[in-house]
PDB file of N, CA and C in Angstrom:
ATOM      1  N   MET A   1     141.289  65.049 104.912  1.00  0.00           N
ATOM      2  CA  MET A   1     140.441  66.217 105.081  1.00  0.00           C
ATOM      3  C   MET A   1     140.518  66.518 106.516  1.00  0.00           C
ATOM      4  N   PRO A   2     140.956  67.801 107.003  1.00  0.00           N
ATOM      5  CA  PRO A   2     140.923  68.124 108.222  1.00  0.00           C
ATOM      6  C   PRO A   2     139.625  68.374 108.912  1.00  0.00           C
ATOM      7  N   ALA A   3     139.336  68.014 110.283  1.00  0.00           N
ATOM      8  CA  ALA A   3     138.075  68.175 110.825  1.00  0.00           C
ATOM      9  C   ALA A   3     137.520  69.539 110.899  1.00  0.00           C
ATOM     10  N   ARG A   4     136.448  69.882 110.514  1.00  0.00           N
ATOM     11  CA  ARG A   4     135.873  71.243 110.437  1.00  0.00           C
ATOM     12  C   ARG A   4     135.894  71.894 111.834  1.00  0.00           C
ATOM     13  N   ARG A   5     136.178  73.004 112.139  1.00  0.00           N
ATOM     14  CA  ARG A   5     136.212  73.755 113.349  1.00  0.00           C
ATOM     15  C   ARG A   5     134.728  74.178 113.703  1.00  0.00           C
ATOM     16  N   ARG A   6     134.262  73.920 114.877  1.00  0.00           N
ATOM     17  CA  ARG A   6     132.854  74.336 115.115  1.00  0.00           C
ATOM     18  C   ARG A   6     132.959  75.525 116.019  1.00  0.00           C
ATOM     19  N   PHE A   7     132.018  76.416 115.927  1.00  0.00           N
ATOM     20  CA  PHE A   7     131.923  77.623 116.550  1.00  0.00           C
ATOM     21  C   PHE A   7     130.587  77.588 117.315  1.00  0.00           C
ATOM     22  N   THR A   8     130.721  78.357 118.356  1.00  0.00           N
ATOM     23  CA  THR A   8     129.419  78.603 119.183  1.00  0.00           C
ATOM     24  C   THR A   8     128.814  80.016 118.998  1.00  0.00           C
ATOM     25  N   SER A   9     127.469  79.802 118.587  1.00  0.00           N
ATOM     26  CA  SER A   9     126.753  81.187 118.246  1.00  0.00           C
ATOM     27  C   SER A   9     126.677  81.983 119.629  1.00  0.00           C
ATOM     28  N   PRO A  10     126.999  83.196 119.703  1.00  0.00           N
ATOM     29  CA  PRO A  10     126.929  84.013 120.882  1.00  0.00           C
ATOM     30  C   PRO A  10     125.485  84.316 121.252  1.00  0.00           C
ATOM     31  N   LEU A  11     124.489  84.287 120.301  1.00  0.00           N
ATOM     32  CA  LEU A  11     123.175  84.487 120.407  1.00  0.00           C
ATOM     33  C   LEU A  11     122.355  83.356 120.880  1.00  0.00           C
ATOM     34  N   SER A  12     122.499  82.161 119.988  1.00  0.00           N
ATOM     35  CA  SER A  12     121.587  80.980 120.498  1.00  0.00           C
ATOM     36  C   SER A  12     122.341  80.041 121.378  1.00  0.00           C
ATOM     37  N   GLY A  13     123.823  80.077 121.348  1.00  0.00           N
ATOM     38  CA  GLY A  13     124.458  78.892 122.044  1.00  0.00           C
ATOM     39  C   GLY A  13     124.672  77.623 121.200  1.00  0.00           C
ATOM     40  N   ASP A  14     124.115  77.559 120.005  1.00  0.00           N
ATOM     41  CA  ASP A  14     124.247  76.450 119.228  1.00  0.00           C
ATOM     42  C   ASP A  14     125.786  76.414 118.680  1.00  0.00           C
ATOM     43  N   GLU A  15     126.297  75.111 118.402  1.00  0.00           N
ATOM     44  CA  GLU A  15     127.415  74.895 117.742  1.00  0.00           C
ATOM     45  C   GLU A  15     127.180  74.612 116.371  1.00  0.00           C
ATOM     46  N   HIS A  16     128.029  75.381 115.276  1.00  0.00           N
ATOM     47  CA  HIS A  16     127.948  75.048 114.058  1.00  0.00           C
ATOM     48  C   HIS A  16     129.234  75.385 113.306  1.00  0.00           C
ATOM     49  N   THR A  17     129.349  74.875 112.071  1.00  0.00           N
ATOM     50  CA  THR A  17     130.448  75.249 111.230  1.00  0.00           C
ATOM     51  C   THR A  17     130.269  76.728 110.520  1.00  0.00           C
ATOM     52  N   ARG A  18     131.257  77.138 110.025  1.00  0.00           N
ATOM     53  CA  ARG A  18     131.098  78.364 109.446  1.00  0.00           C
ATOM     54  C   ARG A  18     130.088  78.269 108.001  1.00  0.00           C
ATOM     55  N   ARG A  19     130.200  77.089 107.374  1.00  0.00           N
ATOM     56  CA  ARG A  19     129.407  76.758 106.311  1.00  0.00           C
ATOM     57  C   ARG A  19     127.978  76.530 106.806  1.00  0.00           C
ATOM     58  N   GLU A  20     127.624  76.094 107.789  1.00  0.00           N
ATOM     59  CA  GLU A  20     126.214  76.038 108.428  1.00  0.00           C
ATOM     60  C   GLU A  20     125.689  77.297 108.617  1.00  0.00           C
ATOM     61  N   PHE A  21     126.602  78.276 109.197  1.00  0.00           N
ATOM     62  CA  PHE A  21     126.242  79.535 109.515  1.00  0.00           C
ATOM     63  C   PHE A  21     125.833  80.371 108.323  1.00  0.00           C
ATOM     64  N   PHE A  22     126.478  80.299 107.220  1.00  0.00           N
ATOM     65  CA  PHE A  22     126.119  80.993 106.073  1.00  0.00           C
ATOM     66  C   PHE A  22     124.990  80.438 105.486  1.00  0.00           C
ATOM     67  N   ARG A  23     124.840  79.057 105.717  1.00  0.00           N
ATOM     68  CA  ARG A  23     123.652  78.414 104.919  1.00  0.00           C
ATOM     69  C   ARG A  23     122.353  78.909 105.768  1.00  0.00           C
ATOM     70  N   ARG A  24     122.362  78.993 107.089  1.00  0.00           N
ATOM     71  CA  ARG A  24     121.389  79.388 107.819  1.00  0.00           C
ATOM     72  C   ARG A  24     121.103  80.945 107.456  1.00  0.00           C
ATOM     73  N   LEU A  25     122.063  81.854 107.510  1.00  0.00           N
ATOM     74  CA  LEU A  25     122.049  83.212 107.153  1.00  0.00           C
ATOM     75  C   LEU A  25     121.281  83.441 105.879  1.00  0.00           C
ATOM     76  N   GLY A  26     121.810  82.435 104.870  1.00  0.00           N
ATOM     77  CA  GLY A  26     121.107  82.671 103.513  1.00  0.00           C
ATOM     78  C   GLY A  26     119.555  82.392 103.523  1.00  0.00           C
ATOM     79  N   ARG A  27     119.310  81.299 104.225  1.00  0.00           N
ATOM     80  CA  ARG A  27     117.778  81.016 104.337  1.00  0.00           C
ATOM     81  C   ARG A  27     116.930  82.047 104.976  1.00  0.00           C
ATOM     82  N   THR A  28     117.568  82.587 106.024  1.00  0.00           N
ATOM     83  CA  THR A  28     116.824  83.682 106.855  1.00  0.00           C
ATOM     84  C   THR A  28     116.795  84.972 106.017  1.00  0.00           C
ATOM     85  N   LEU A  29     117.792  85.176 105.338  1.00  0.00           N
ATOM     86  CA  LEU A  29     117.607  86.410 104.389  1.00  0.00           C
ATOM     87  C   LEU A  29     116.647  86.178 103.220  1.00  0.00           C
ATOM     88  N   THR A  30     116.653  85.034 102.742  1.00  0.00           N
ATOM     89  CA  THR A  30     115.547  84.691 101.563  1.00  0.00           C
ATOM     90  C   THR A  30     114.306  84.689 102.069  1.00  0.00           C
ATOM     91  N   LEU A  31     113.970  84.120 103.299  1.00  0.00           N
ATOM     92  CA  LEU A  31     112.647  84.236 103.868  1.00  0.00           C
ATOM     93  C   LEU A  31     112.144  85.496 104.184  1.00  0.00           C
ATOM     94  N   GLY A  32     113.094  86.508 104.626  1.00  0.00           N
ATOM     95  CA  GLY A  32     112.849  87.782 105.103  1.00  0.00           C
ATOM     96  C   GLY A  32     112.488  88.448 103.897  1.00  0.00           C
ATOM     97  N   ALA A  33     113.230  88.517 102.768  1.00  0.00           N
ATOM     98  CA  ALA A  33     113.035  89.098 101.420  1.00  0.00           C
ATOM     99  C   ALA A  33     111.828  88.740 100.870  1.00  0.00           C
ATOM    100  N   ALA A  34     111.457  87.343 100.973  1.00  0.00           N
ATOM    101  CA  ALA A  34     110.020  87.014 100.347  1.00  0.00           C
ATOM    102  C   ALA A  34     108.980  87.667 101.118  1.00  0.00           C
ATOM    103  N   ALA A  35     109.113  87.702 102.488  1.00  0.00           N
ATOM    104  CA  ALA A  35     108.098  88.362 103.255  1.00  0.00           C
ATOM    105  C   ALA A  35     108.010  89.759 102.957  1.00  0.00           C
ATOM    106  N   VAL A  36     109.029  90.408 102.730  1.00  0.00           N
ATOM    107  CA  VAL A  36     109.072  91.725 102.441  1.00  0.00           C
ATOM    108  C   VAL A  36     108.263  92.077 100.983  1.00  0.00           C
ATOM    109  N   VAL A  37     108.706  91.188  99.996  1.00  0.00           N
ATOM    110  CA  VAL A  37     108.030  91.403  98.757  1.00  0.00           C
ATOM    111  C   VAL A  37     106.669  91.037  98.858  1.00  0.00           C
ATOM    112  N   THR A  38     106.206  89.963  99.624  1.00  0.00           N
ATOM    113  CA  THR A  38     104.724  89.872  99.638  1.00  0.00           C
ATOM    114  C   THR A  38     104.028  90.859 100.308  1.00  0.00           C
ATOM    115  N   GLY A  39     104.628  91.593 101.363  1.00  0.00           N
ATOM    116  CA  GLY A  39     103.861  92.613 101.829  1.00  0.00           C
ATOM    117  C   GLY A  39     103.775  93.889 101.039  1.00  0.00           C
ATOM    118  N   VAL A  40     104.924  94.108 100.351  1.00  0.00           N
ATOM    119  CA  VAL A  40     104.834  95.141  99.513  1.00  0.00           C
ATOM    120  C   VAL A  40     103.885  94.970  98.266  1.00  0.00           C
ATOM    121  N   LEU A  41     103.802  93.869  97.746  1.00  0.00           N
ATOM    122  CA  LEU A  41     102.799  93.744  96.677  1.00  0.00           C
ATOM    123  C   LEU A  41     101.425  93.585  97.053  1.00  0.00           C
ATOM    124  N   GLY A  42     101.139  93.223  98.368  1.00  0.00           N
ATOM    125  CA  GLY A  42      99.861  93.121  98.786  1.00  0.00           C
ATOM    126  C   GLY A  42      99.359  94.690  99.255  1.00  0.00           C
ATOM    127  N   ALA A  43     100.358  95.310  99.648  1.00  0.00           N
ATOM    128  CA  ALA A  43      99.871  96.768  99.903  1.00  0.00           C
ATOM    129  C   ALA A  43      99.509  97.579  98.745  1.00  0.00           C
ATOM    130  N   ARG A  44     100.500  97.276  97.735  1.00  0.00           N
ATOM    131  CA  ARG A  44     100.287  98.055  96.461  1.00  0.00           C
ATOM    132  C   ARG A  44      98.749  97.708  95.952  1.00  0.00           C
ATOM    133  N   ARG A  45      98.433  96.342  95.929  1.00  0.00           N
ATOM    134  CA  ARG A  45      97.251  95.870  95.322  1.00  0.00           C
ATOM    135  C   ARG A  45      96.144  96.735  96.143  1.00  0.00           C
ATOM    136  N   ARG A  46      96.033  96.575  97.350  1.00  0.00           N
ATOM    137  CA  ARG A  46      95.207  97.338  98.366  1.00  0.00           C
ATOM    138  C   ARG A  46      95.086  98.708  97.974  1.00  0.00           C
ATOM    139  N   ARG A  47      96.265  99.430  97.836  1.00  0.00           N
ATOM    140  CA  ARG A  47      96.157 100.684  97.561  1.00  0.00           C
ATOM    141  C   ARG A  47      95.748 101.089  96.199  1.00  0.00           C
ATOM    142  N   ALA A  48      95.871 100.210  95.141  1.00  0.00           N
ATOM    143  CA  ALA A  48      95.362 100.309  93.738  1.00  0.00           C
ATOM    144  C   ALA A  48      93.820 100.204  93.858  1.00  0.00           C
ATOM    145  N   ALA A  49      93.372  99.213  94.674  1.00  0.00           N
ATOM    146  CA  ALA A  49      91.981  98.945  94.563  1.00  0.00           C
ATOM    147  C   ALA A  49      91.065 100.087  95.260  1.00  0.00           C
ATOM    148  N   GLN A  50      91.827 100.594  96.279  1.00  0.00           N
ATOM    149  CA  GLN A  50      91.152 101.769  96.988  1.00  0.00           C
ATOM    150  C   GLN A  50      91.169 103.176  96.065  1.00  0.00           C
ATOM    151  N   SER A  51      92.047 103.094  95.224  1.00  0.00           N
ATOM    152  CA  SER A  51      92.281 104.578  94.608  1.00  0.00           C
ATOM    153  C   SER A  51      91.571 104.553  93.221  1.00  0.00           C
ATOM    154  N   GLN A  52      91.015 103.355  92.763  1.00  0.00           N
ATOM    155  CA  GLN A  52      90.400 103.316  91.545  1.00  0.00           C
ATOM    156  C   GLN A  52      89.140 104.326  91.321  1.00  0.00           C
ATOM    157  N   ALA A  53      88.984 104.796  90.436  1.00  0.00           N
ATOM    158  CA  ALA A  53      87.892 105.655  89.920  1.00  0.00           C
ATOM    159  C   ALA A  53      87.244 105.154  88.620  1.00  0.00           C
ATOM    160  N   CYS A  54      85.964 105.309  88.635  1.00  0.00           N
ATOM    161  CA  CYS A  54      85.248 104.828  87.356  1.00  0.00           C
ATOM    162  C   CYS A  54      85.548 105.512  86.310  1.00  0.00           C
ATOM    163  N   VAL A  55      85.987 105.036  85.090  1.00  0.00           N
ATOM    164  CA  VAL A  55      86.387 105.889  83.921  1.00  0.00           C
ATOM    165  C   VAL A  55      85.377 105.800  82.853  1.00  0.00           C
ATOM    166  N   ASN A  56      84.264 105.020  83.168  1.00  0.00           N
ATOM    167  CA  ASN A  56      83.156 104.858  82.221  1.00  0.00           C
ATOM    168  C   ASN A  56      81.703 105.316  82.705  1.00  0.00           C
ATOM    169  N   GLN A  57      81.709 106.229  83.777  1.00  0.00           N
ATOM    170  CA  GLN A  57      80.563 106.803  84.261  1.00  0.00           C
ATOM    171  C   GLN A  57      79.532 105.688  84.802  1.00  0.00           C
ATOM    172  N   GLY A  58      80.142 104.652  85.317  1.00  0.00           N
ATOM    173  CA  GLY A  58      79.283 103.686  86.100  1.00  0.00           C
ATOM    174  C   GLY A  58      78.635 102.590  85.063  1.00  0.00           C
ATOM    175  N   VAL A  59      78.966 102.737  83.894  1.00  0.00           N
ATOM    176  CA  VAL A  59      78.319 101.744  82.756  1.00  0.00           C
ATOM    177  C   VAL A  59      79.514 100.654  82.636  1.00  0.00           C
ATOM    178  N   CYS A  60      79.308  99.522  83.035  1.00  0.00           N
ATOM    179  CA  CYS A  60      80.294  98.370  83.054  1.00  0.00           C
ATOM    180  C   CYS A  60      80.532  97.833  81.960  1.00  0.00           C
ATOM    181  N   ARG A  61      79.401  97.390  81.199  1.00  0.00           N
ATOM    182  CA  ARG A  61      79.412  96.737  79.768  1.00  0.00           C
ATOM    183  C   ARG A  61      80.210  97.761  78.874  1.00  0.00           C
ATOM    184  N   GLY A  62      81.039  97.136  78.170  1.00  0.00           N
ATOM    185  CA  GLY A  62      81.918  97.736  77.115  1.00  0.00           C
ATOM    186  C   GLY A  62      82.942  98.688  77.752  1.00  0.00           C
ATOM    187  N   CYS A  63      83.173  98.597  79.035  1.00  0.00           N
ATOM    188  CA  CYS A  63      84.269  99.388  79.591  1.00  0.00           C
ATOM    189  C   CYS A  63      85.552  98.575  79.298  1.00  0.00           C
ATOM    190  N   PRO A  64      86.653  99.548  78.823  1.00  0.00           N
ATOM    191  CA  PRO A  64      87.921  98.781  78.577  1.00  0.00           C
ATOM    192  C   PRO A  64      88.685  98.272  79.901  1.00  0.00           C
ATOM    193  N   SER A  65      88.186  98.909  81.032  1.00  0.00           N
ATOM    194  CA  SER A  65      89.049  98.517  82.241  1.00  0.00           C
ATOM    195  C   SER A  65      88.146  97.419  82.986  1.00  0.00           C
ATOM    196  N   PHE A  66      87.085  96.832  82.522  1.00  0.00           N
ATOM    197  CA  PHE A  66      86.272  96.068  83.148  1.00  0.00           C
ATOM    198  C   PHE A  66      86.905  94.738  83.805  1.00  0.00           C
ATOM    199  N   ASP A  67      87.760  94.117  83.198  1.00  0.00           N
ATOM    200  CA  ASP A  67      88.143  92.868  83.456  1.00  0.00           C
ATOM    201  C   ASP A  67      89.189  93.100  84.703  1.00  0.00           C
ATOM    202  N   GLY A  68      89.698  94.271  84.896  1.00  0.00           N
ATOM    203  CA  GLY A  68      90.681  94.423  85.916  1.00  0.00           C
ATOM    204  C   GLY A  68      90.226  95.307  87.142  1.00  0.00           C
ATOM    205  N   CYS A  69      88.930  95.824  86.804  1.00  0.00           N
ATOM    206  CA  CYS A  69      88.205  96.673  87.776  1.00  0.00           C
ATOM    207  C   CYS A  69      87.857  96.082  89.148  1.00  0.00           C
ATOM    208  N   GLY A  70      88.195  96.601  90.199  1.00  0.00           N
ATOM    209  CA  GLY A  70      87.765  96.228  91.502  1.00  0.00           C
ATOM    210  C   GLY A  70      86.746  96.944  92.322  1.00  0.00           C
ATOM    211  N   LEU A  71      85.993  97.892  91.575  1.00  0.00           N
ATOM    212  CA  LEU A  71      84.927  98.732  92.174  1.00  0.00           C
ATOM    213  C   LEU A  71      83.680  97.850  92.418  1.00  0.00           C
ATOM    214  N   PRO A  72      83.024  98.225  93.502  1.00  0.00           N
ATOM    215  CA  PRO A  72      81.994  97.474  93.842  1.00  0.00           C
ATOM    216  C   PRO A  72      80.854  97.124  92.715  1.00  0.00           C
ATOM    217  N   GLN A  73      80.646  98.159  91.928  1.00  0.00           N
ATOM    218  CA  GLN A  73      79.756  97.996  90.856  1.00  0.00           C
ATOM    219  C   GLN A  73      80.089  97.146  89.767  1.00  0.00           C
ATOM    220  N   ALA A  74      81.419  97.276  89.491  1.00  0.00           N
ATOM    221  CA  ALA A  74      82.065  96.134  88.586  1.00  0.00           C
ATOM    222  C   ALA A  74      82.042  94.749  89.063  1.00  0.00           C
ATOM    223  N   LEU A  75      82.318  94.607  90.298  1.00  0.00           N
ATOM    224  CA  LEU A  75      82.340  93.232  91.062  1.00  0.00           C
ATOM    225  C   LEU A  75      80.836  92.669  90.835  1.00  0.00           C
ATOM    226  N   SER A  76      79.885  93.521  91.007  1.00  0.00           N
ATOM    227  CA  SER A  76      78.403  92.977  91.107  1.00  0.00           C
ATOM    228  C   SER A  76      78.195  92.703  89.630  1.00  0.00           C
ATOM    229  N   ALA A  77      78.577  93.420  88.708  1.00  0.00           N
ATOM    230  CA  ALA A  77      78.383  93.112  87.248  1.00  0.00           C
ATOM    231  C   ALA A  77      78.944  91.832  86.786  1.00  0.00           C
ATOM    232  N   LYS A  78      80.191  91.577  87.446  1.00  0.00           N
ATOM    233  CA  LYS A  78      80.885  90.404  87.036  1.00  0.00           C
ATOM    234  C   LYS A  78      80.248  89.156  87.667  1.00  0.00           C
ATOM    235  N   GLN A  79      79.724  89.363  88.811  1.00  0.00           N
ATOM    236  CA  GLN A  79      79.005  88.101  89.377  1.00  0.00           C
ATOM    237  C   GLN A  79      77.773  88.125  88.591  1.00  0.00           C
ATOM    238  N   ALA A  80      77.069  88.934  88.204  1.00  0.00           N
ATOM    239  CA  ALA A  80      75.753  88.811  87.668  1.00  0.00           C
ATOM    240  C   ALA A  80      75.989  88.269  86.211  1.00  0.00           C
ATOM    241  N   THR A  81      77.244  88.457  85.452  1.00  0.00           N
ATOM    242  CA  THR A  81      77.465  87.922  84.137  1.00  0.00           C
ATOM    243  C   THR A  81      77.910  86.532  84.321  1.00  0.00           C
ATOM    244  N   ARG A  82      78.356  86.056  85.469  1.00  0.00           N
ATOM    245  CA  ARG A  82      78.831  84.748  85.680  1.00  0.00           C
ATOM    246  C   ARG A  82      77.738  83.695  85.967  1.00  0.00           C
ATOM    247  N   THR A  83      76.666  84.207  86.641  1.00  0.00           N
ATOM    248  CA  THR A  83      75.506  83.500  86.948  1.00  0.00           C
ATOM    249  C   THR A  83      74.553  83.325  85.951  1.00  0.00           C
ATOM    250  N   SER A  84      74.481  84.241  85.019  1.00  0.00           N
ATOM    251  CA  SER A  84      73.455  84.249  84.003  1.00  0.00           C
ATOM    252  C   SER A  84      73.854  83.459  82.827  1.00  0.00           C
TER     253      SER A  84
END
């Protein structure tokens, strides 16, 4: 098996093989994609919580949206039902 040629990175000055370069590139892209997905999901969740409107005129008991509701009144009702 022939010796692998090593290349010097113009940015970092590190020496690495082509395989190592692509492995590092894949890791970096995967980490970046995970960060972007996390940010998008977090922003979507925050936006959904801010745009919620009460569908049951403030009566939380018996509301079909109660389990997923993030409005302050529903959160208080959930906490009250947990402690009692």
